[in-house]
PDB file of all heavy atoms in Angstrom:
ATOM      1  N   ALA A   1      27.871 -17.031 -33.975  1.00  0.00           N
ATOM      2  CA  ALA A   1      28.447 -15.708 -33.720  1.00  0.00           C
ATOM      3  C   ALA A   1      27.354 -14.673 -33.462  1.00  0.00           C
ATOM      4  O   ALA A   1      27.472 -13.850 -32.549  1.00  0.00           O
ATOM      5  CB  ALA A   1      29.306 -15.276 -34.903  1.00  0.00           C
ATOM      6  N   GLY A   2      26.289 -14.715 -34.251  1.00  0.00           N
ATOM      7  CA  GLY A   2      25.195 -13.753 -34.067  1.00  0.00           C
ATOM      8  C   GLY A   2      24.505 -13.906 -32.729  1.00  0.00           C
ATOM      9  O   GLY A   2      24.133 -12.920 -32.093  1.00  0.00           O
ATOM     10  N   PHE A   3      24.341 -15.144 -32.272  1.00  0.00           N
ATOM     11  CA  PHE A   3      23.736 -15.387 -30.960  1.00  0.00           C
ATOM     12  C   PHE A   3      24.575 -14.776 -29.850  1.00  0.00           C
ATOM     13  O   PHE A   3      24.052 -14.096 -28.957  1.00  0.00           O
ATOM     14  CB  PHE A   3      23.567 -16.893 -30.737  1.00  0.00           C
ATOM     15  CG  PHE A   3      23.108 -17.253 -29.363  1.00  0.00           C
ATOM     16  CD1 PHE A   3      21.788 -17.055 -28.998  1.00  0.00           C
ATOM     17  CD2 PHE A   3      23.988 -17.766 -28.433  1.00  0.00           C
ATOM     18  CE1 PHE A   3      21.352 -17.385 -27.720  1.00  0.00           C
ATOM     19  CE2 PHE A   3      23.571 -18.094 -27.161  1.00  0.00           C
ATOM     20  CZ  PHE A   3      22.242 -17.902 -26.807  1.00  0.00           C
ATOM     21  N   LEU A   4      25.879 -14.985 -29.908  1.00  0.00           N
ATOM     22  CA  LEU A   4      26.752 -14.437 -28.865  1.00  0.00           C
ATOM     23  C   LEU A   4      26.752 -12.907 -28.872  1.00  0.00           C
ATOM     24  O   LEU A   4      26.718 -12.274 -27.812  1.00  0.00           O
ATOM     25  CB  LEU A   4      28.173 -14.970 -29.042  1.00  0.00           C
ATOM     26  CG  LEU A   4      28.346 -16.463 -28.789  1.00  0.00           C
ATOM     27  CD1 LEU A   4      29.762 -16.890 -29.114  1.00  0.00           C
ATOM     28  CD2 LEU A   4      27.994 -16.796 -27.355  1.00  0.00           C
ATOM     29  N   VAL A   5      26.782 -12.318 -30.051  1.00  0.00           N
ATOM     30  CA  VAL A   5      26.760 -10.854 -30.138  1.00  0.00           C
ATOM     31  C   VAL A   5      25.425 -10.297 -29.641  1.00  0.00           C
ATOM     32  O   VAL A   5      25.384  -9.291 -28.937  1.00  0.00           O
ATOM     33  CB  VAL A   5      27.069 -10.392 -31.577  1.00  0.00           C
ATOM     34  CG1 VAL A   5      26.844  -8.895 -31.733  1.00  0.00           C
ATOM     35  CG2 VAL A   5      28.495 -10.744 -31.945  1.00  0.00           C
ATOM     36  N   ALA A   6      24.318 -10.965 -29.979  1.00  0.00           N
ATOM     37  CA  ALA A   6      23.004 -10.496 -29.530  1.00  0.00           C
ATOM     38  C   ALA A   6      22.883 -10.580 -28.012  1.00  0.00           C
ATOM     39  O   ALA A   6      22.367  -9.651 -27.374  1.00  0.00           O
ATOM     40  CB  ALA A   6      21.900 -11.319 -30.191  1.00  0.00           C
ATOM     41  N   ILE A   7      23.375 -11.650 -27.412  1.00  0.00           N
ATOM     42  CA  ILE A   7      23.345 -11.775 -25.960  1.00  0.00           C
ATOM     43  C   ILE A   7      24.213 -10.697 -25.311  1.00  0.00           C
ATOM     44  O   ILE A   7      23.834 -10.083 -24.309  1.00  0.00           O
ATOM     45  CB  ILE A   7      23.812 -13.185 -25.526  1.00  0.00           C
ATOM     46  CG1 ILE A   7      22.834 -14.240 -26.021  1.00  0.00           C
ATOM     47  CG2 ILE A   7      23.998 -13.273 -24.018  1.00  0.00           C
ATOM     48  CD1 ILE A   7      21.451 -14.133 -25.431  1.00  0.00           C
ATOM     49  N   MET A   8      25.394 -10.457 -25.886  1.00  0.00           N
ATOM     50  CA  MET A   8      26.268  -9.415 -25.352  1.00  0.00           C
ATOM     51  C   MET A   8      25.604  -8.047 -25.426  1.00  0.00           C
ATOM     52  O   MET A   8      25.658  -7.266 -24.479  1.00  0.00           O
ATOM     53  CB  MET A   8      27.599  -9.397 -26.121  1.00  0.00           C
ATOM     54  CG  MET A   8      28.620  -8.385 -25.623  1.00  0.00           C
ATOM     55  SD  MET A   8      28.510  -6.687 -26.247  1.00  0.00           S
ATOM     56  CE  MET A   8      28.531  -6.881 -27.985  1.00  0.00           C
ATOM     57  N   MET A   9      24.953  -7.766 -26.545  1.00  0.00           N
ATOM     58  CA  MET A   9      24.305  -6.453 -26.708  1.00  0.00           C
ATOM     59  C   MET A   9      23.154  -6.280 -25.720  1.00  0.00           C
ATOM     60  O   MET A   9      22.999  -5.206 -25.138  1.00  0.00           O
ATOM     61  CB  MET A   9      23.804  -6.279 -28.138  1.00  0.00           C
ATOM     62  CG  MET A   9      24.886  -6.119 -29.146  1.00  0.00           C
ATOM     63  SD  MET A   9      24.200  -6.027 -30.802  1.00  0.00           S
ATOM     64  CE  MET A   9      25.043  -4.613 -31.424  1.00  0.00           C
ATOM     65  N   ALA A  10      22.366  -7.312 -25.531  1.00  0.00           N
ATOM     66  CA  ALA A  10      21.249  -7.221 -24.589  1.00  0.00           C
ATOM     67  C   ALA A  10      21.748  -7.013 -23.162  1.00  0.00           C
ATOM     68  O   ALA A  10      21.222  -6.169 -22.427  1.00  0.00           O
ATOM     69  CB  ALA A  10      20.388  -8.475 -24.681  1.00  0.00           C
ATOM     70  N   ASN A  11      22.774  -7.745 -22.772  1.00  0.00           N
ATOM     71  CA  ASN A  11      23.291  -7.617 -21.410  1.00  0.00           C
ATOM     72  C   ASN A  11      24.022  -6.300 -21.195  1.00  0.00           C
ATOM     73  O   ASN A  11      23.863  -5.665 -20.151  1.00  0.00           O
ATOM     74  CB  ASN A  11      24.206  -8.793 -21.078  1.00  0.00           C
ATOM     75  CG  ASN A  11      23.437 -10.068 -20.858  1.00  0.00           C
ATOM     76  OD1 ASN A  11      22.307 -10.045 -20.404  1.00  0.00           O
ATOM     77  ND2 ASN A  11      24.043 -11.185 -21.198  1.00  0.00           N
ATOM     78  N   ALA A  12      24.821  -5.883 -22.165  1.00  0.00           N
ATOM     79  CA  ALA A  12      25.549  -4.624 -22.025  1.00  0.00           C
ATOM     80  C   ALA A  12      24.586  -3.438 -21.999  1.00  0.00           C
ATOM     81  O   ALA A  12      24.748  -2.513 -21.190  1.00  0.00           O
ATOM     82  CB  ALA A  12      26.557  -4.462 -23.166  1.00  0.00           C
ATOM     83  N   GLY A  13      23.590  -3.457 -22.859  1.00  0.00           N
ATOM     84  CA  GLY A  13      22.613  -2.364 -22.867  1.00  0.00           C
ATOM     85  C   GLY A  13      21.858  -2.276 -21.557  1.00  0.00           C
ATOM     86  O   GLY A  13      21.641  -1.186 -21.025  1.00  0.00           O
ATOM     87  N   GLY A  14      21.452  -3.424 -21.013  1.00  0.00           N
ATOM     88  CA  GLY A  14      20.763  -3.430 -19.720  1.00  0.00           C
ATOM     89  C   GLY A  14      21.664  -2.957 -18.592  1.00  0.00           C
ATOM     90  O   GLY A  14      21.228  -2.241 -17.691  1.00  0.00           O
ATOM     91  N   ALA A  15      22.933  -3.347 -18.648  1.00  0.00           N
ATOM     92  CA  ALA A  15      23.874  -2.922 -17.602  1.00  0.00           C
ATOM     93  C   ALA A  15      24.085  -1.415 -17.643  1.00  0.00           C
ATOM     94  O   ALA A  15      24.111  -0.750 -16.592  1.00  0.00           O
ATOM     95  CB  ALA A  15      25.203  -3.652 -17.770  1.00  0.00           C
ATOM     96  N   TRP A  16      24.236  -0.845 -18.833  1.00  0.00           N
ATOM     97  CA  TRP A  16      24.435   0.599 -18.931  1.00  0.00           C
ATOM     98  C   TRP A  16      23.191   1.348 -18.466  1.00  0.00           C
ATOM     99  O   TRP A  16      23.287   2.400 -17.835  1.00  0.00           O
ATOM    100  CB  TRP A  16      24.802   0.997 -20.357  1.00  0.00           C
ATOM    101  CG  TRP A  16      26.204   0.632 -20.730  1.00  0.00           C
ATOM    102  CD1 TRP A  16      27.279   0.527 -19.897  1.00  0.00           C
ATOM    103  CD2 TRP A  16      26.692   0.329 -22.025  1.00  0.00           C
ATOM    104  NE1 TRP A  16      28.385   0.176 -20.596  1.00  0.00           N
ATOM    105  CE2 TRP A  16      28.059   0.044 -21.915  1.00  0.00           C
ATOM    106  CE3 TRP A  16      26.099   0.262 -23.274  1.00  0.00           C
ATOM    107  CZ2 TRP A  16      28.854  -0.293 -22.998  1.00  0.00           C
ATOM    108  CZ3 TRP A  16      26.888  -0.080 -24.357  1.00  0.00           C
ATOM    109  CH2 TRP A  16      28.251  -0.345 -24.216  1.00  0.00           C
ATOM    110  N   ASP A  17      22.031   0.834 -18.771  1.00  0.00           N
ATOM    111  CA  ASP A  17      20.779   1.457 -18.331  1.00  0.00           C
ATOM    112  C   ASP A  17      20.667   1.403 -16.810  1.00  0.00           C
ATOM    113  O   ASP A  17      20.329   2.392 -16.155  1.00  0.00           O
ATOM    114  CB  ASP A  17      19.593   0.755 -18.996  1.00  0.00           C
ATOM    115  CG  ASP A  17      18.279   1.443 -18.691  1.00  0.00           C
ATOM    116  OD1 ASP A  17      18.249   2.692 -18.691  1.00  0.00           O
ATOM    117  OD2 ASP A  17      17.281   0.743 -18.469  1.00  0.00           O
ATOM    118  N   ASN A  18      20.971   0.258 -16.230  1.00  0.00           N
ATOM    119  CA  ASN A  18      20.884   0.113 -14.775  1.00  0.00           C
ATOM    120  C   ASN A  18      21.949   0.930 -14.055  1.00  0.00           C
ATOM    121  O   ASN A  18      21.717   1.395 -12.933  1.00  0.00           O
ATOM    122  CB  ASN A  18      20.991  -1.362 -14.387  1.00  0.00           C
ATOM    123  CG  ASN A  18      19.775  -2.148 -14.816  1.00  0.00           C
ATOM    124  OD1 ASN A  18      18.708  -1.586 -15.023  1.00  0.00           O
ATOM    125  ND2 ASN A  18      19.939  -3.447 -14.968  1.00  0.00           N
ATOM    126  N   THR A  19      23.096   1.122 -14.681  1.00  0.00           N
ATOM    127  CA  THR A  19      24.144   1.944 -14.072  1.00  0.00           C
ATOM    128  C   THR A  19      23.674   3.382 -13.913  1.00  0.00           C
ATOM    129  O   THR A  19      23.888   4.009 -12.870  1.00  0.00           O
ATOM    130  CB  THR A  19      25.418   1.891 -14.927  1.00  0.00           C
ATOM    131  OG1 THR A  19      25.857   0.540 -15.004  1.00  0.00           O
ATOM    132  CG2 THR A  19      26.508   2.751 -14.341  1.00  0.00           C
ATOM    133  N   LYS A  20      23.031   3.902 -14.936  1.00  0.00           N
ATOM    134  CA  LYS A  20      22.522   5.280 -14.841  1.00  0.00           C
ATOM    135  C   LYS A  20      21.491   5.398 -13.724  1.00  0.00           C
ATOM    136  O   LYS A  20      21.521   6.336 -12.921  1.00  0.00           O
ATOM    137  CB  LYS A  20      21.912   5.730 -16.161  1.00  0.00           C
ATOM    138  CG  LYS A  20      21.496   7.204 -16.137  1.00  0.00           C
ATOM    139  CD  LYS A  20      20.797   7.601 -17.401  1.00  0.00           C
ATOM    140  CE  LYS A  20      19.369   7.150 -17.269  1.00  0.00           C
ATOM    141  NZ  LYS A  20      18.404   7.813 -18.094  1.00  0.00           N
ATOM    142  N   LYS A  21      20.599   4.438 -13.625  1.00  0.00           N
ATOM    143  CA  LYS A  21      19.594   4.451 -12.557  1.00  0.00           C
ATOM    144  C   LYS A  21      20.246   4.357 -11.186  1.00  0.00           C
ATOM    145  O   LYS A  21      19.818   5.025 -10.241  1.00  0.00           O
ATOM    146  CB  LYS A  21      18.605   3.300 -12.753  1.00  0.00           C
ATOM    147  CG  LYS A  21      17.729   3.459 -13.970  1.00  0.00           C
ATOM    148  CD  LYS A  21      16.866   2.234 -14.181  1.00  0.00           C
ATOM    149  CE  LYS A  21      16.074   2.349 -15.477  1.00  0.00           C
ATOM    150  NZ  LYS A  21      15.364   1.112 -15.802  1.00  0.00           N
ATOM    151  N   TYR A  22      21.285   3.546 -11.075  1.00  0.00           N
ATOM    152  CA  TYR A  22      21.997   3.381  -9.817  1.00  0.00           C
ATOM    153  C   TYR A  22      22.653   4.690  -9.392  1.00  0.00           C
ATOM    154  O   TYR A  22      22.568   5.094  -8.237  1.00  0.00           O
ATOM    155  CB  TYR A  22      23.048   2.277  -9.980  1.00  0.00           C
ATOM    156  CG  TYR A  22      23.871   1.991  -8.747  1.00  0.00           C
ATOM    157  CD1 TYR A  22      23.344   1.232  -7.717  1.00  0.00           C
ATOM    158  CD2 TYR A  22      25.180   2.440  -8.645  1.00  0.00           C
ATOM    159  CE1 TYR A  22      24.101   0.945  -6.598  1.00  0.00           C
ATOM    160  CE2 TYR A  22      25.940   2.158  -7.540  1.00  0.00           C
ATOM    161  CZ  TYR A  22      25.395   1.410  -6.512  1.00  0.00           C
ATOM    162  OH  TYR A  22      26.153   1.141  -5.401  1.00  0.00           O
ATOM    163  N   ILE A  23      23.292   5.363 -10.334  1.00  0.00           N
ATOM    164  CA  ILE A  23      23.956   6.636 -10.020  1.00  0.00           C
ATOM    165  C   ILE A  23      22.922   7.699  -9.677  1.00  0.00           C
ATOM    166  O   ILE A  23      23.140   8.523  -8.779  1.00  0.00           O
ATOM    167  CB  ILE A  23      24.867   7.067 -11.187  1.00  0.00           C
ATOM    168  CG1 ILE A  23      26.060   6.110 -11.282  1.00  0.00           C
ATOM    169  CG2 ILE A  23      25.348   8.503 -11.016  1.00  0.00           C
ATOM    170  CD1 ILE A  23      26.923   6.308 -12.495  1.00  0.00           C
ATOM    171  N   GLU A  24      21.781   7.692 -10.334  1.00  0.00           N
ATOM    172  CA  GLU A  24      20.740   8.684 -10.053  1.00  0.00           C
ATOM    173  C   GLU A  24      20.125   8.498  -8.671  1.00  0.00           C
ATOM    174  O   GLU A  24      19.490   9.407  -8.151  1.00  0.00           O
ATOM    175  CB  GLU A  24      19.657   8.639 -11.133  1.00  0.00           C
ATOM    176  CG  GLU A  24      20.115   9.248 -12.442  1.00  0.00           C
ATOM    177  CD  GLU A  24      19.088   9.150 -13.543  1.00  0.00           C
ATOM    178  OE1 GLU A  24      18.101   8.392 -13.386  1.00  0.00           O
ATOM    179  OE2 GLU A  24      19.279   9.819 -14.571  1.00  0.00           O
ATOM    180  N   GLN A  25      20.318   7.333  -8.056  1.00  0.00           N
ATOM    181  CA  GLN A  25      19.845   7.114  -6.694  1.00  0.00           C
ATOM    182  C   GLN A  25      20.780   7.709  -5.651  1.00  0.00           C
ATOM    183  O   GLN A  25      20.499   7.656  -4.460  1.00  0.00           O
ATOM    184  CB  GLN A  25      19.686   5.616  -6.423  1.00  0.00           C
ATOM    185  CG  GLN A  25      18.557   4.995  -7.184  1.00  0.00           C
ATOM    186  CD  GLN A  25      18.486   3.490  -6.974  1.00  0.00           C
ATOM    187  OE1 GLN A  25      19.396   2.879  -6.423  1.00  0.00           O
ATOM    188  NE2 GLN A  25      17.394   2.896  -7.433  1.00  0.00           N
ATOM    189  N   GLY A  26      21.895   8.292  -6.095  1.00  0.00           N
ATOM    190  CA  GLY A  26      22.804   8.957  -5.175  1.00  0.00           C
ATOM    191  C   GLY A  26      24.151   8.285  -5.034  1.00  0.00           C
ATOM    192  O   GLY A  26      25.015   8.783  -4.312  1.00  0.00           O
ATOM    193  N   HIS A  27      24.372   7.205  -5.684  1.00  0.00           N
ATOM    194  CA  HIS A  27      25.655   6.513  -5.610  1.00  0.00           C
ATOM    195  C   HIS A  27      26.655   7.157  -6.565  1.00  0.00           C
ATOM    196  O   HIS A  27      26.289   7.752  -7.563  1.00  0.00           O
ATOM    197  CB  HIS A  27      25.489   5.035  -5.965  1.00  0.00           C
ATOM    198  CG  HIS A  27      24.486   4.331  -5.111  1.00  0.00           C
ATOM    199  ND1 HIS A  27      24.780   3.872  -3.852  1.00  0.00           N
ATOM    200  CD2 HIS A  27      23.199   4.018  -5.318  1.00  0.00           C
ATOM    201  CE1 HIS A  27      23.715   3.297  -3.326  1.00  0.00           C
ATOM    202  NE2 HIS A  27      22.725   3.375  -4.212  1.00  0.00           N
ATOM    203  N   SER A  28      27.931   7.069  -6.220  1.00  0.00           N
ATOM    204  CA  SER A  28      29.031   7.569  -7.073  1.00  0.00           C
ATOM    205  C   SER A  28      28.870   9.035  -7.447  1.00  0.00           C
ATOM    206  O   SER A  28      29.206   9.440  -8.552  1.00  0.00           O
ATOM    207  CB  SER A  28      29.163   6.713  -8.339  1.00  0.00           C
ATOM    208  OG  SER A  28      29.454   5.376  -8.013  1.00  0.00           O
ATOM    209  N   GLY A  29      28.350   9.849  -6.567  1.00  0.00           N
ATOM    210  CA  GLY A  29      28.246  11.278  -6.803  1.00  0.00           C
ATOM    211  C   GLY A  29      26.859  11.764  -7.169  1.00  0.00           C
ATOM    212  O   GLY A  29      26.576  12.953  -7.111  1.00  0.00           O
ATOM    213  N   GLY A  30      25.969  10.894  -7.579  1.00  0.00           N
ATOM    214  CA  GLY A  30      24.600  11.281  -7.892  1.00  0.00           C
ATOM    215  C   GLY A  30      24.485  12.093  -9.168  1.00  0.00           C
ATOM    216  O   GLY A  30      25.415  12.197  -9.964  1.00  0.00           O
TER     217      GLY A  30
END
């Protein structure tokens, strides 16, 4: 269970970080 939660946290955190960078490049309103 801990392995699955740790993988989820690492991937979700990276996705949220990359989403902000993507929007700051001018996508979805900038």
